[in-house]
PDB file of all heavy atoms in Angstrom:
ATOM      1  N   PRO A   1      17.524-205.249 -63.580  1.00  0.00           N
ATOM      2  CA  PRO A   1      16.550-204.191 -63.029  1.00  0.00           C
ATOM      3  C   PRO A   1      15.853-204.796 -61.868  1.00  0.00           C
ATOM      4  O   PRO A   1      15.334-205.877 -61.817  1.00  0.00           O
ATOM      5  CB  PRO A   1      15.642-203.881 -64.177  1.00  0.00           C
ATOM      6  CG  PRO A   1      16.348-204.406 -65.435  1.00  0.00           C
ATOM      7  CD  PRO A   1      17.220-205.542 -64.953  1.00  0.00           C
ATOM      8  N   PRO A   2      15.688-203.961 -60.732  1.00  0.00           N
ATOM      9  CA  PRO A   2      15.000-204.430 -59.528  1.00  0.00           C
ATOM     10  C   PRO A   2      13.473-204.492 -59.816  1.00  0.00           C
ATOM     11  O   PRO A   2      12.952-203.784 -60.638  1.00  0.00           O
ATOM     12  CB  PRO A   2      15.314-203.390 -58.453  1.00  0.00           C
ATOM     13  CG  PRO A   2      15.641-202.179 -59.203  1.00  0.00           C
ATOM     14  CD  PRO A   2      16.272-202.647 -60.479  1.00  0.00           C
ATOM     15  N   ILE A   3      12.821-205.314 -59.093  1.00  0.00           N
ATOM     16  CA  ILE A   3      11.351-205.466 -59.160  1.00  0.00           C
ATOM     17  C   ILE A   3      10.732-204.398 -58.329  1.00  0.00           C
ATOM     18  O   ILE A   3      10.998-204.284 -57.136  1.00  0.00           O
ATOM     19  CB  ILE A   3      10.899-206.857 -58.684  1.00  0.00           C
ATOM     20  CG1 ILE A   3      11.504-207.983 -59.545  1.00  0.00           C
ATOM     21  CG2 ILE A   3       9.337-206.990 -58.643  1.00  0.00           C
ATOM     22  CD1 ILE A   3      11.190-209.400 -59.048  1.00  0.00           C
ATOM     23  N   LYS A   4       9.898-203.604 -58.940  1.00  0.00           N
ATOM     24  CA  LYS A   4       9.239-202.495 -58.206  1.00  0.00           C
ATOM     25  C   LYS A   4       7.740-202.871 -58.047  1.00  0.00           C
ATOM     26  O   LYS A   4       7.040-202.952 -59.026  1.00  0.00           O
ATOM     27  CB  LYS A   4       9.339-201.182 -58.948  1.00  0.00           C
ATOM     28  CG  LYS A   4      10.832-200.648 -59.029  1.00  0.00           C
ATOM     29  CD  LYS A   4      11.390-200.362 -57.628  1.00  0.00           C
ATOM     30  CE  LYS A   4      12.840-199.786 -57.716  1.00  0.00           C
ATOM     31  NZ  LYS A   4      13.401-199.538 -56.411  1.00  0.00           N
ATOM     32  N   MET A   5       7.293-203.174 -56.811  1.00  0.00           N
ATOM     33  CA  MET A   5       6.006-203.545 -56.555  1.00  0.00           C
ATOM     34  C   MET A   5       5.096-202.310 -56.231  1.00  0.00           C
ATOM     35  O   MET A   5       5.531-201.340 -55.632  1.00  0.00           O
ATOM     36  CB  MET A   5       5.935-204.525 -55.347  1.00  0.00           C
ATOM     37  CG  MET A   5       6.673-205.782 -55.540  1.00  0.00           C
ATOM     38  SD  MET A   5       6.400-206.900 -54.080  1.00  0.00           S
ATOM     39  CE  MET A   5       7.420-208.297 -54.587  1.00  0.00           C
ATOM     40  N   ASP A   6       3.798-202.442 -56.718  1.00  0.00           N
ATOM     41  CA  ASP A   6       2.821-201.558 -56.195  1.00  0.00           C
ATOM     42  C   ASP A   6       2.293-202.089 -54.842  1.00  0.00           C
ATOM     43  O   ASP A   6       2.651-203.121 -54.355  1.00  0.00           O
ATOM     44  CB  ASP A   6       1.689-201.366 -57.213  1.00  0.00           C
ATOM     45  CG  ASP A   6       0.918-202.568 -57.490  1.00  0.00           C
ATOM     46  OD1 ASP A   6       1.138-203.591 -56.901  1.00  0.00           O
ATOM     47  OD2 ASP A   6       0.201-202.532 -58.554  1.00  0.00           O
ATOM     48  N   LEU A   7       1.418-201.294 -54.254  1.00  0.00           N
ATOM     49  CA  LEU A   7       0.961-201.666 -52.860  1.00  0.00           C
ATOM     50  C   LEU A   7       0.201-202.943 -52.823  1.00  0.00           C
ATOM     51  O   LEU A   7       0.387-203.822 -51.881  1.00  0.00           O
ATOM     52  CB  LEU A   7       0.147-200.588 -52.319  1.00  0.00           C
ATOM     53  CG  LEU A   7      -0.234-200.550 -50.803  1.00  0.00           C
ATOM     54  CD1 LEU A   7       1.021-200.733 -49.990  1.00  0.00           C
ATOM     55  CD2 LEU A   7      -0.914-199.256 -50.441  1.00  0.00           C
ATOM     56  N   GLU A   8      -0.641-203.174 -53.834  1.00  0.00           N
ATOM     57  CA  GLU A   8      -1.448-204.441 -53.864  1.00  0.00           C
ATOM     58  C   GLU A   8      -0.541-205.697 -53.990  1.00  0.00           C
ATOM     59  O   GLU A   8      -0.735-206.630 -53.267  1.00  0.00           O
ATOM     60  CB  GLU A   8      -2.415-204.441 -55.034  1.00  0.00           C
ATOM     61  CG  GLU A   8      -3.573-203.430 -54.891  1.00  0.00           C
ATOM     62  CD  GLU A   8      -4.417-203.406 -56.103  1.00  0.00           C
ATOM     63  OE1 GLU A   8      -5.057-204.410 -56.367  1.00  0.00           O
ATOM     64  OE2 GLU A   8      -4.527-202.371 -56.739  1.00  0.00           O
ATOM     65  N   ARG A   9       0.414-205.597 -54.857  1.00  0.00           N
ATOM     66  CA  ARG A   9       1.309-206.726 -55.044  1.00  0.00           C
ATOM     67  C   ARG A   9       2.135-206.907 -53.811  1.00  0.00           C
ATOM     68  O   ARG A   9       2.526-208.116 -53.460  1.00  0.00           O
ATOM     69  CB  ARG A   9       2.201-206.474 -56.269  1.00  0.00           C
ATOM     70  CG  ARG A   9       3.001-207.723 -56.691  1.00  0.00           C
ATOM     71  CD  ARG A   9       3.778-207.469 -57.939  1.00  0.00           C
ATOM     72  NE  ARG A   9       4.655-208.607 -58.260  1.00  0.00           N
ATOM     73  CZ  ARG A   9       5.546-208.635 -59.209  1.00  0.00           C
ATOM     74  NH1 ARG A   9       5.755-207.584 -59.917  1.00  0.00           N
ATOM     75  NH2 ARG A   9       6.301-209.721 -59.404  1.00  0.00           N
ATOM     76  N   ALA A  10       2.614-205.840 -53.150  1.00  0.00           N
ATOM     77  CA  ALA A  10       3.395-205.968 -51.990  1.00  0.00           C
ATOM     78  C   ALA A  10       2.628-206.654 -50.843  1.00  0.00           C
ATOM     79  O   ALA A  10       3.165-207.489 -50.134  1.00  0.00           O
ATOM     80  CB  ALA A  10       3.846-204.598 -51.495  1.00  0.00           C
ATOM     81  N   LEU A  11       1.286-206.371 -50.712  1.00  0.00           N
ATOM     82  CA  LEU A  11       0.478-206.976 -49.720  1.00  0.00           C
ATOM     83  C   LEU A  11       0.273-208.411 -49.950  1.00  0.00           C
ATOM     84  O   LEU A  11       0.184-209.307 -49.067  1.00  0.00           O
ATOM     85  CB  LEU A  11      -0.841-206.222 -49.655  1.00  0.00           C
ATOM     86  CG  LEU A  11      -0.899-204.814 -49.084  1.00  0.00           C
ATOM     87  CD1 LEU A  11      -2.252-204.209 -49.218  1.00  0.00           C
ATOM     88  CD2 LEU A  11      -0.439-204.889 -47.579  1.00  0.00           C
ATOM     89  N   GLU A  12       0.260-208.775 -51.279  1.00  0.00           N
ATOM     90  CA  GLU A  12       0.126-210.260 -51.602  1.00  0.00           C
ATOM     91  C   GLU A  12       1.396-211.014 -51.341  1.00  0.00           C
ATOM     92  O   GLU A  12       1.385-212.204 -51.067  1.00  0.00           O
ATOM     93  CB  GLU A  12      -0.284-210.378 -53.100  1.00  0.00           C
ATOM     94  CG  GLU A  12      -1.709-210.003 -53.359  1.00  0.00           C
ATOM     95  CD  GLU A  12      -2.076-210.397 -54.756  1.00  0.00           C
ATOM     96  OE1 GLU A  12      -1.244-210.526 -55.622  1.00  0.00           O
ATOM     97  OE2 GLU A  12      -3.325-210.445 -55.084  1.00  0.00           O
ATOM     98  N   PHE A  13       2.514-210.265 -51.453  1.00  0.00           N
ATOM     99  CA  PHE A  13       3.865-210.986 -51.337  1.00  0.00           C
ATOM    100  C   PHE A  13       4.207-211.275 -49.930  1.00  0.00           C
ATOM    101  O   PHE A  13       4.752-212.356 -49.653  1.00  0.00           O
ATOM    102  CB  PHE A  13       4.933-210.103 -52.013  1.00  0.00           C
ATOM    103  CG  PHE A  13       6.365-210.615 -51.851  1.00  0.00           C
ATOM    104  CD1 PHE A  13       6.794-211.539 -52.748  1.00  0.00           C
ATOM    105  CD2 PHE A  13       7.169-210.202 -50.811  1.00  0.00           C
ATOM    106  CE1 PHE A  13       8.093-212.067 -52.628  1.00  0.00           C
ATOM    107  CE2 PHE A  13       8.444-210.665 -50.667  1.00  0.00           C
ATOM    108  CZ  PHE A  13       8.927-211.645 -51.550  1.00  0.00           C
ATOM    109  N   ILE A  14       3.969-210.317 -48.990  1.00  0.00           N
ATOM    110  CA  ILE A  14       4.483-210.501 -47.654  1.00  0.00           C
ATOM    111  C   ILE A  14       3.940-211.657 -46.993  1.00  0.00           C
ATOM    112  O   ILE A  14       2.790-212.182 -47.233  1.00  0.00           O
ATOM    113  CB  ILE A  14       4.248-209.253 -46.792  1.00  0.00           C
ATOM    114  CG1 ILE A  14       2.788-208.918 -46.727  1.00  0.00           C
ATOM    115  CG2 ILE A  14       5.127-208.083 -47.372  1.00  0.00           C
ATOM    116  CD1 ILE A  14       2.467-207.759 -45.747  1.00  0.00           C
ATOM    117  N   GLY A  15       4.659-212.220 -45.934  1.00  0.00           N
ATOM    118  CA  GLY A  15       4.203-213.325 -45.181  1.00  0.00           C
ATOM    119  C   GLY A  15       3.626-212.891 -43.873  1.00  0.00           C
ATOM    120  O   GLY A  15       3.585-211.708 -43.563  1.00  0.00           O
ATOM    121  N   PRO A  16       3.261-213.821 -43.035  1.00  0.00           N
ATOM    122  CA  PRO A  16       2.606-213.487 -41.688  1.00  0.00           C
ATOM    123  C   PRO A  16       3.599-212.772 -40.724  1.00  0.00           C
ATOM    124  O   PRO A  16       3.147-212.022 -39.845  1.00  0.00           O
ATOM    125  CB  PRO A  16       2.222-214.845 -41.111  1.00  0.00           C
ATOM    126  CG  PRO A  16       2.187-215.765 -42.315  1.00  0.00           C
ATOM    127  CD  PRO A  16       3.185-215.280 -43.198  1.00  0.00           C
ATOM    128  N   ASP A  17       4.890-212.874 -40.957  1.00  0.00           N
ATOM    129  CA  ASP A  17       5.840-212.173 -40.017  1.00  0.00           C
ATOM    130  C   ASP A  17       6.494-211.007 -40.722  1.00  0.00           C
ATOM    131  O   ASP A  17       7.627-210.575 -40.297  1.00  0.00           O
ATOM    132  CB  ASP A  17       6.940-213.244 -39.560  1.00  0.00           C
ATOM    133  CG  ASP A  17       7.755-213.729 -40.825  1.00  0.00           C
ATOM    134  OD1 ASP A  17       7.186-213.695 -41.987  1.00  0.00           O
ATOM    135  OD2 ASP A  17       8.899-214.228 -40.660  1.00  0.00           O
ATOM    136  N   GLU A  18       5.828-210.459 -41.701  1.00  0.00           N
ATOM    137  CA  GLU A  18       6.373-209.319 -42.408  1.00  0.00           C
ATOM    138  C   GLU A  18       5.399-208.099 -42.506  1.00  0.00           C
ATOM    139  O   GLU A  18       4.248-208.271 -42.328  1.00  0.00           O
ATOM    140  CB  GLU A  18       6.857-209.768 -43.870  1.00  0.00           C
ATOM    141  CG  GLU A  18       7.882-210.828 -43.849  1.00  0.00           C
ATOM    142  CD  GLU A  18       8.115-211.556 -45.169  1.00  0.00           C
ATOM    143  OE1 GLU A  18       7.251-211.276 -46.079  1.00  0.00           O
ATOM    144  OE2 GLU A  18       9.019-212.344 -45.263  1.00  0.00           O
ATOM    145  N   TYR A  19       5.919-206.981 -42.757  1.00  0.00           N
ATOM    146  CA  TYR A  19       5.093-205.750 -42.961  1.00  0.00           C
ATOM    147  C   TYR A  19       5.424-205.059 -44.327  1.00  0.00           C
ATOM    148  O   TYR A  19       6.539-205.347 -44.887  1.00  0.00           O
ATOM    149  CB  TYR A  19       5.463-204.720 -41.863  1.00  0.00           C
ATOM    150  CG  TYR A  19       4.820-204.955 -40.495  1.00  0.00           C
ATOM    151  CD1 TYR A  19       5.573-204.781 -39.329  1.00  0.00           C
ATOM    152  CD2 TYR A  19       3.466-205.292 -40.374  1.00  0.00           C
ATOM    153  CE1 TYR A  19       4.953-204.933 -38.101  1.00  0.00           C
ATOM    154  CE2 TYR A  19       2.892-205.524 -39.129  1.00  0.00           C
ATOM    155  CZ  TYR A  19       3.668-205.340 -38.022  1.00  0.00           C
ATOM    156  OH  TYR A  19       3.067-205.546 -36.766  1.00  0.00           O
ATOM    157  N   VAL A  20       4.537-204.204 -44.763  1.00  0.00           N
ATOM    158  CA  VAL A  20       4.787-203.282 -45.864  1.00  0.00           C
ATOM    159  C   VAL A  20       4.863-201.880 -45.195  1.00  0.00           C
ATOM    160  O   VAL A  20       3.872-201.497 -44.493  1.00  0.00           O
ATOM    161  CB  VAL A  20       3.664-203.320 -46.858  1.00  0.00           C
ATOM    162  CG1 VAL A  20       3.889-202.302 -47.974  1.00  0.00           C
ATOM    163  CG2 VAL A  20       3.535-204.697 -47.563  1.00  0.00           C
ATOM    164  N   GLU A  21       5.907-201.165 -45.342  1.00  0.00           N
ATOM    165  CA  GLU A  21       6.106-199.875 -44.886  1.00  0.00           C
ATOM    166  C   GLU A  21       5.700-198.851 -45.926  1.00  0.00           C
ATOM    167  O   GLU A  21       6.232-198.877 -47.098  1.00  0.00           O
ATOM    168  CB  GLU A  21       7.594-199.661 -44.427  1.00  0.00           C
ATOM    169  CG  GLU A  21       7.813-198.233 -43.884  1.00  0.00           C
ATOM    170  CD  GLU A  21       9.378-197.998 -43.695  1.00  0.00           C
ATOM    171  OE1 GLU A  21      10.138-198.920 -43.773  1.00  0.00           O
ATOM    172  OE2 GLU A  21       9.669-196.818 -43.423  1.00  0.00           O
ATOM    173  N   VAL A  22       4.734-198.082 -45.618  1.00  0.00           N
ATOM    174  CA  VAL A  22       4.127-197.077 -46.595  1.00  0.00           C
ATOM    175  C   VAL A  22       4.464-195.701 -46.139  1.00  0.00           C
ATOM    176  O   VAL A  22       4.093-195.246 -45.087  1.00  0.00           O
ATOM    177  CB  VAL A  22       2.691-197.289 -46.679  1.00  0.00           C
ATOM    178  CG1 VAL A  22       2.052-196.381 -47.685  1.00  0.00           C
ATOM    179  CG2 VAL A  22       2.221-198.746 -47.035  1.00  0.00           C
ATOM    180  N   THR A  23       5.191-194.951 -47.017  1.00  0.00           N
ATOM    181  CA  THR A  23       5.526-193.551 -46.785  1.00  0.00           C
ATOM    182  C   THR A  23       5.163-192.761 -48.084  1.00  0.00           C
ATOM    183  O   THR A  23       4.929-193.393 -49.173  1.00  0.00           O
ATOM    184  CB  THR A  23       6.995-193.328 -46.445  1.00  0.00           C
ATOM    185  OG1 THR A  23       7.768-193.721 -47.561  1.00  0.00           O
ATOM    186  CG2 THR A  23       7.334-194.166 -45.208  1.00  0.00           C
ATOM    187  N   PRO A  24       5.100-191.475 -48.022  1.00  0.00           N
ATOM    188  CA  PRO A  24       4.653-190.631 -49.225  1.00  0.00           C
ATOM    189  C   PRO A  24       5.480-190.964 -50.510  1.00  0.00           C
ATOM    190  O   PRO A  24       4.945-190.911 -51.569  1.00  0.00           O
ATOM    191  CB  PRO A  24       4.787-189.239 -48.751  1.00  0.00           C
ATOM    192  CG  PRO A  24       4.535-189.317 -47.238  1.00  0.00           C
ATOM    193  CD  PRO A  24       5.157-190.547 -46.848  1.00  0.00           C
ATOM    194  N   ARG A  25       6.735-191.277 -50.354  1.00  0.00           N
ATOM    195  CA  ARG A  25       7.548-191.524 -51.504  1.00  0.00           C
ATOM    196  C   ARG A  25       8.147-192.884 -51.718  1.00  0.00           C
ATOM    197  O   ARG A  25       8.841-193.154 -52.651  1.00  0.00           O
ATOM    198  CB  ARG A  25       8.705-190.499 -51.582  1.00  0.00           C
ATOM    199  CG  ARG A  25       8.241-189.039 -51.725  1.00  0.00           C
ATOM    200  CD  ARG A  25       9.366-188.106 -52.091  1.00  0.00           C
ATOM    201  NE  ARG A  25      10.463-188.042 -51.166  1.00  0.00           N
ATOM    202  CZ  ARG A  25      10.540-187.242 -50.134  1.00  0.00           C
ATOM    203  NH1 ARG A  25       9.526-186.420 -49.888  1.00  0.00           N
ATOM    204  NH2 ARG A  25      11.535-187.360 -49.243  1.00  0.00           N
ATOM    205  N   SER A  26       7.856-193.722 -50.751  1.00  0.00           N
ATOM    206  CA  SER A  26       8.509-195.075 -50.744  1.00  0.00           C
ATOM    207  C   SER A  26       7.540-196.187 -50.294  1.00  0.00           C
ATOM    208  O   SER A  26       6.653-196.002 -49.535  1.00  0.00           O
ATOM    209  CB  SER A  26       9.708-195.086 -49.819  1.00  0.00           C
ATOM    210  OG  SER A  26      10.598-194.013 -50.127  1.00  0.00           O
ATOM    211  N   LEU A  27       7.844-197.353 -50.778  1.00  0.00           N
ATOM    212  CA  LEU A  27       7.294-198.592 -50.317  1.00  0.00           C
ATOM    213  C   LEU A  27       8.372-199.618 -49.994  1.00  0.00           C
ATOM    214  O   LEU A  27       9.235-199.871 -50.873  1.00  0.00           O
ATOM    215  CB  LEU A  27       6.360-199.285 -51.355  1.00  0.00           C
ATOM    216  CG  LEU A  27       4.981-198.637 -51.663  1.00  0.00           C
ATOM    217  CD1 LEU A  27       4.287-199.404 -52.796  1.00  0.00           C
ATOM    218  CD2 LEU A  27       4.107-198.696 -50.346  1.00  0.00           C
ATOM    219  N   ARG A  28       8.462-200.007 -48.776  1.00  0.00           N
ATOM    220  CA  ARG A  28       9.476-200.936 -48.363  1.00  0.00           C
ATOM    221  C   ARG A  28       8.933-202.202 -47.703  1.00  0.00           C
ATOM    222  O   ARG A  28       7.861-202.113 -47.031  1.00  0.00           O
ATOM    223  CB  ARG A  28      10.454-200.229 -47.334  1.00  0.00           C
ATOM    224  CG  ARG A  28      11.096-198.950 -47.888  1.00  0.00           C
ATOM    225  CD  ARG A  28      12.052-198.450 -46.801  1.00  0.00           C
ATOM    226  NE  ARG A  28      12.638-197.151 -47.200  1.00  0.00           N
ATOM    227  CZ  ARG A  28      12.084-195.976 -46.846  1.00  0.00           C
ATOM    228  NH1 ARG A  28      11.041-195.988 -46.060  1.00  0.00           N
ATOM    229  NH2 ARG A  28      12.586-194.876 -47.255  1.00  0.00           N
ATOM    230  N   LEU A  29       9.450-203.323 -47.891  1.00  0.00           N
ATOM    231  CA  LEU A  29       9.110-204.571 -47.249  1.00  0.00           C
ATOM    232  C   LEU A  29      10.109-204.812 -46.102  1.00  0.00           C
ATOM    233  O   LEU A  29      11.359-204.574 -46.269  1.00  0.00           O
ATOM    234  CB  LEU A  29       9.107-205.772 -48.124  1.00  0.00           C
ATOM    235  CG  LEU A  29       8.329-205.560 -49.508  1.00  0.00           C
ATOM    236  CD1 LEU A  29       8.346-206.819 -50.318  1.00  0.00           C
ATOM    237  CD2 LEU A  29       6.938-205.124 -49.245  1.00  0.00           C
TER     238      LEU A  29
END
């Protein structure tokens, strides 16, 4: 099963050269 992150965990995961893409139905790194 894939790991599904919430927004807080995604912000903690990304590095200095990465973004979190936030849309109404999706969260992408």
